[in-house]
């Protein structure tokens, strides 16, 4: 069993260029949870940090660009909104990857801390070069 103080997270870099959204999100969530390590312990955050670049170049299969939408509720009467995938992709492509990964993580306080270790950027550049992230999931 791993102890929280004994774990040392490393940094991973994922290039989303040409990657399928769902398949990439599964691998990212595995790394964030620490399931790729032999020291995985369910009640301890043993995962690594993940830096995702080129969020604008992620792809989806089928007709998801036309049919998929993101739900929002403003907590006012009649405040339910459906935002189409294409509009979210145009304005905030980082949110698409973040939401896909968030839905695959545990719905607990530990899941929220795991999600904070995900850094998503729309272009090639990221400010985490000092951490020397290792490449992961390159196309």
Protein backbone atom coordinates (compact mmCIF):
# COMPACT_ATOMS: atom_id res chain seq x y z
CA UNK A 1 0.00 0.00 0.00
CA UNK A 2 1.35 3.38 -0.99
CA UNK A 3 1.46 6.24 1.48
CA UNK A 4 0.64 9.78 0.38
CA UNK A 5 3.94 11.19 1.58
CA UNK A 6 5.96 8.51 -0.25
CA UNK A 7 4.60 9.18 -3.74
CA UNK A 8 6.55 11.43 -6.09
CA UNK A 9 4.53 12.43 -9.13
CA UNK A 10 6.27 12.77 -12.47
CA UNK A 11 5.15 14.88 -15.44
CA UNK A 12 3.74 13.50 -18.72
CA UNK A 13 3.22 15.33 -22.00
CA UNK A 14 0.40 14.41 -24.39
CA UNK A 15 0.20 15.83 -27.90
CA UNK A 16 -3.51 15.86 -28.82
CA UNK A 17 -2.81 16.40 -32.54
CA UNK A 18 -4.86 13.76 -34.38
CA UNK A 19 -5.83 11.86 -31.21
CA UNK A 20 -9.38 10.60 -30.75
CA UNK A 21 -10.93 12.43 -27.80
CA UNK A 22 -12.39 9.50 -25.86
CA UNK A 23 -9.43 7.16 -26.27
CA UNK A 24 -7.04 9.90 -25.23
CA UNK A 25 -9.19 10.85 -22.21
CA UNK A 26 -9.16 7.24 -20.97
CA UNK A 27 -5.37 7.12 -20.98
CA UNK A 28 -5.06 10.55 -19.37
CA UNK A 29 -7.46 9.59 -16.58
CA UNK A 30 -5.48 6.38 -15.95
CA UNK A 31 -2.29 8.42 -15.55
CA UNK A 32 -3.98 11.00 -13.29
CA UNK A 33 -5.32 8.23 -11.03
CA UNK A 34 -1.99 6.38 -11.00
CA UNK A 35 -3.35 3.10 -12.40
CA UNK A 36 -0.35 2.82 -14.71
CA UNK A 37 1.97 2.35 -11.71
CA UNK A 38 2.51 -0.88 -9.79
CA UNK A 39 2.09 1.09 -6.54
CA UNK A 40 -1.51 2.09 -7.33
CA UNK A 41 -3.61 2.40 -4.19
CA UNK A 42 -7.29 3.37 -4.54
CA UNK A 43 -7.42 5.68 -1.49
CA UNK A 44 -4.11 7.48 -2.20
CA UNK A 45 -3.45 9.91 -5.05
CA UNK A 46 -0.50 8.18 -6.75
CA UNK A 47 -1.03 9.76 -10.18
CA UNK A 48 1.20 11.95 -12.31
CA UNK A 49 0.79 15.44 -13.74
CA UNK A 50 -0.37 15.55 -17.39
CA UNK A 51 0.27 18.41 -19.82
CA UNK A 52 -1.88 18.33 -22.98
CA UNK A 53 -0.98 20.51 -25.95
CA UNK A 54 -2.70 21.11 -29.31
CA UNK A 55 -6.21 20.88 -27.86
CA UNK A 56 -7.61 22.47 -31.02
CA UNK A 57 -6.43 19.52 -33.12
CA UNK A 58 -8.21 16.76 -31.18
CA UNK A 59 -10.70 14.79 -33.25
CA UNK A 60 -13.94 12.97 -32.62
CA UNK A 61 -15.40 10.10 -34.61
CA UNK A 62 -18.77 9.75 -36.25
CA UNK A 63 -21.29 12.60 -36.17
CA UNK A 64 -20.35 13.82 -32.70
CA UNK A 65 -19.48 17.30 -33.98
CA UNK A 66 -23.14 17.70 -35.00
CA UNK A 67 -24.96 15.78 -32.27
CA UNK A 68 -22.89 16.20 -29.10
CA UNK A 69 -23.66 19.03 -26.69
CA UNK A 70 -22.69 20.18 -23.21
CA UNK A 71 -25.38 20.86 -20.61
CA UNK A 72 -25.45 23.86 -18.30
CA UNK A 73 -27.92 25.05 -15.73
CA UNK A 74 -27.94 28.65 -14.50
CA UNK A 75 -30.05 27.80 -11.40
CA UNK A 76 -32.77 30.16 -12.57
CA UNK A 77 -36.19 28.95 -13.76
CA UNK A 78 -35.86 27.92 -17.39
CA UNK A 79 -32.08 28.23 -17.15
CA UNK A 80 -31.21 24.89 -18.79
CA UNK A 81 -28.85 25.44 -21.74
CA UNK A 82 -27.36 23.07 -24.27
CA UNK A 83 -24.15 24.31 -25.85
CA UNK A 84 -23.21 22.51 -29.08
CA UNK A 85 -19.83 20.79 -29.40
CA UNK A 86 -18.83 22.94 -32.36
CA UNK A 87 -19.28 26.19 -30.40
CA UNK A 88 -17.31 24.93 -27.40
CA UNK A 89 -14.57 23.68 -29.74
CA UNK A 90 -14.34 27.08 -31.41
CA UNK A 91 -14.22 29.13 -28.18
CA UNK A 92 -12.69 26.87 -25.51
CA UNK A 93 -11.14 23.65 -26.90
CA UNK A 94 -9.41 23.06 -23.54
CA UNK A 95 -12.78 22.50 -21.86
CA UNK A 96 -13.61 19.60 -24.18
CA UNK A 97 -10.59 17.60 -23.03
CA UNK A 98 -11.01 18.66 -19.40
CA UNK A 99 -14.68 17.63 -19.34
CA UNK A 100 -13.99 14.28 -21.00
CA UNK A 101 -11.31 13.48 -18.41
CA UNK A 102 -13.33 14.85 -15.47
CA UNK A 103 -16.20 12.51 -16.25
CA UNK A 104 -13.83 9.52 -16.08
CA UNK A 105 -12.33 10.39 -12.69
CA UNK A 106 -13.86 9.54 -9.30
CA UNK A 107 -16.64 11.88 -8.19
CA UNK A 108 -14.99 12.58 -4.84
CA UNK A 109 -12.68 15.17 -3.30
CA UNK A 110 -9.72 13.07 -4.42
CA UNK A 111 -11.06 13.14 -7.98
CA UNK A 112 -11.12 16.92 -7.87
CA UNK A 113 -7.50 17.05 -6.73
CA UNK A 114 -6.58 14.62 -9.52
CA UNK A 115 -8.19 16.93 -12.06
CA UNK A 116 -6.04 19.84 -10.83
CA UNK A 117 -3.01 17.89 -12.07
CA UNK A 118 -4.29 18.15 -15.66
CA UNK A 119 -2.95 21.12 -17.64
CA UNK A 120 -4.52 21.66 -21.08
CA UNK A 121 -3.30 24.21 -23.66
CA UNK A 122 -4.74 24.98 -27.07
CA UNK A 123 -1.40 25.44 -28.86
CA UNK A 124 2.06 23.87 -28.97
CA UNK A 125 3.56 25.95 -26.17
CA UNK A 126 3.17 25.33 -22.45
CA UNK A 127 4.85 26.87 -19.39
CA UNK A 128 5.90 23.52 -17.87
CA UNK A 129 9.19 22.93 -19.68
CA UNK A 130 11.09 23.27 -16.39
CA UNK A 131 9.35 20.11 -15.12
CA UNK A 132 10.70 18.17 -18.15
CA UNK A 133 7.51 16.23 -18.98
CA UNK A 134 8.08 12.86 -20.63
CA UNK A 135 6.20 12.25 -23.89
CA UNK A 136 3.11 10.09 -23.55
CA UNK A 137 0.56 9.18 -26.23
CA UNK A 138 2.25 10.74 -29.23
CA UNK A 139 0.57 10.06 -32.55
